[in-house]
């Protein structure tokens, strides 16, 4: 539903308060919500041992 469609419904059924609040924006919410974003996947693994005892540490961030 576009901003124009919302304004049309509000102008038909809304109160004067609602009509004053709708504004004139025509935001394309698909573009706003699904815009490209920064993402990162990091892993840290440390392996070793002390006197025949293996040690493994793994951390996902």
C-alpha atoms as a PDB file:
ATOM      1  CA  UNK A   1       0.000   0.000   0.000  1.00  0.00           C
ATOM      2  CA  UNK A   2       1.475   3.352  -1.008  1.00  0.00           C
ATOM      3  CA  UNK A   3       1.345   6.568   0.956  1.00  0.00           C
ATOM      4  CA  UNK A   4      -1.198   7.939  -1.501  1.00  0.00           C
ATOM      5  CA  UNK A   5      -3.486   4.962  -0.887  1.00  0.00           C
ATOM      6  CA  UNK A   6      -3.207   5.428   2.880  1.00  0.00           C
ATOM      7  CA  UNK A   7      -3.999   9.137   2.559  1.00  0.00           C
ATOM      8  CA  UNK A   8      -7.064   8.312   0.437  1.00  0.00           C
ATOM      9  CA  UNK A   9      -8.411   5.907   3.089  1.00  0.00           C
ATOM     10  CA  UNK A  10      -7.674   8.371   5.897  1.00  0.00           C
ATOM     11  CA  UNK A  11      -9.379  11.188   4.003  1.00  0.00           C
ATOM     12  CA  UNK A  12     -12.500   9.018   3.616  1.00  0.00           C
ATOM     13  CA  UNK A  13     -12.674   7.416   7.060  1.00  0.00           C
ATOM     14  CA  UNK A  14     -10.279   9.260   9.371  1.00  0.00           C
ATOM     15  CA  UNK A  15     -10.938  12.012  11.863  1.00  0.00           C
ATOM     16  CA  UNK A  16      -9.545  15.520  11.461  1.00  0.00           C
ATOM     17  CA  UNK A  17      -6.718  14.540  13.808  1.00  0.00           C
ATOM     18  CA  UNK A  18      -5.790  11.582  11.594  1.00  0.00           C
ATOM     19  CA  UNK A  19      -5.977  13.705   8.466  1.00  0.00           C
ATOM     20  CA  UNK A  20      -3.517  16.179   9.984  1.00  0.00           C
ATOM     21  CA  UNK A  21      -1.024  13.435  10.871  1.00  0.00           C
ATOM     22  CA  UNK A  22      -0.678  11.513   7.598  1.00  0.00           C
ATOM     23  CA  UNK A  23       1.801  13.925   5.993  1.00  0.00           C
ATOM     24  CA  UNK A  24       2.928  13.699   2.382  1.00  0.00           C
ATOM     25  CA  UNK A  25       5.709  11.072   2.420  1.00  0.00           C
ATOM     26  CA  UNK A  26       5.637   8.205  -0.035  1.00  0.00           C
ATOM     27  CA  UNK A  27       8.160   5.853   1.565  1.00  0.00           C
ATOM     28  CA  UNK A  28       8.926   2.655  -0.334  1.00  0.00           C
ATOM     29  CA  UNK A  29       9.219   0.359   2.693  1.00  0.00           C
ATOM     30  CA  UNK A  30      10.475  -2.568   0.580  1.00  0.00           C
ATOM     31  CA  UNK A  31      13.562  -0.490  -0.275  1.00  0.00           C
ATOM     32  CA  UNK A  32      14.021   0.658   3.326  1.00  0.00           C
ATOM     33  CA  UNK A  33      13.645  -2.764   4.939  1.00  0.00           C
ATOM     34  CA  UNK A  34      15.517  -4.840   2.362  1.00  0.00           C
ATOM     35  CA  UNK A  35      18.430  -2.511   1.633  1.00  0.00           C
ATOM     36  CA  UNK A  36      21.991  -3.933   1.548  1.00  0.00           C
ATOM     37  CA  UNK A  37      23.614  -4.266   4.945  1.00  0.00           C
ATOM     38  CA  UNK A  38      27.068  -4.902   6.344  1.00  0.00           C
ATOM     39  CA  UNK A  39      27.577  -8.429   7.659  1.00  0.00           C
ATOM     40  CA  UNK A  40      30.508 -10.208   9.238  1.00  0.00           C
ATOM     41  CA  UNK A  41      31.199 -13.790  10.323  1.00  0.00           C
ATOM     42  CA  UNK A  42      34.313 -14.380  12.426  1.00  0.00           C
ATOM     43  CA  UNK A  43      35.744 -17.549  13.936  1.00  0.00           C
ATOM     44  CA  UNK A  44      38.690 -18.019  16.294  1.00  0.00           C
ATOM     45  CA  UNK A  45      40.192 -21.444  16.968  1.00  0.00           C
ATOM     46  CA  UNK A  46      43.176 -22.131  19.201  1.00  0.00           C
ATOM     47  CA  UNK A  47      44.597 -25.628  19.491  1.00  0.00           C
ATOM     48  CA  UNK A  48      47.467 -26.953  21.511  1.00  0.00           C
ATOM     49  CA  UNK A  49      48.234 -29.112  24.452  1.00  0.00           C
ATOM     50  CA  UNK A  50      50.204 -29.619  27.599  1.00  0.00           C
ATOM     51  CA  UNK A  51      51.988 -32.945  28.232  1.00  0.00           C
ATOM     52  CA  UNK A  52      49.825 -35.186  26.062  1.00  0.00           C
ATOM     53  CA  UNK A  53      46.579 -33.386  27.065  1.00  0.00           C
ATOM     54  CA  UNK A  54      44.959 -31.821  24.003  1.00  0.00           C
ATOM     55  CA  UNK A  55      43.361 -28.405  24.365  1.00  0.00           C
ATOM     56  CA  UNK A  56      40.975 -26.886  21.814  1.00  0.00           C
ATOM     57  CA  UNK A  57      39.329 -23.491  22.159  1.00  0.00           C
ATOM     58  CA  UNK A  58      36.800 -22.363  19.553  1.00  0.00           C
ATOM     59  CA  UNK A  59      34.876 -19.103  19.573  1.00  0.00           C
ATOM     60  CA  UNK A  60      32.298 -17.888  17.038  1.00  0.00           C
ATOM     61  CA  UNK A  61      31.622 -14.152  17.026  1.00  0.00           C
END
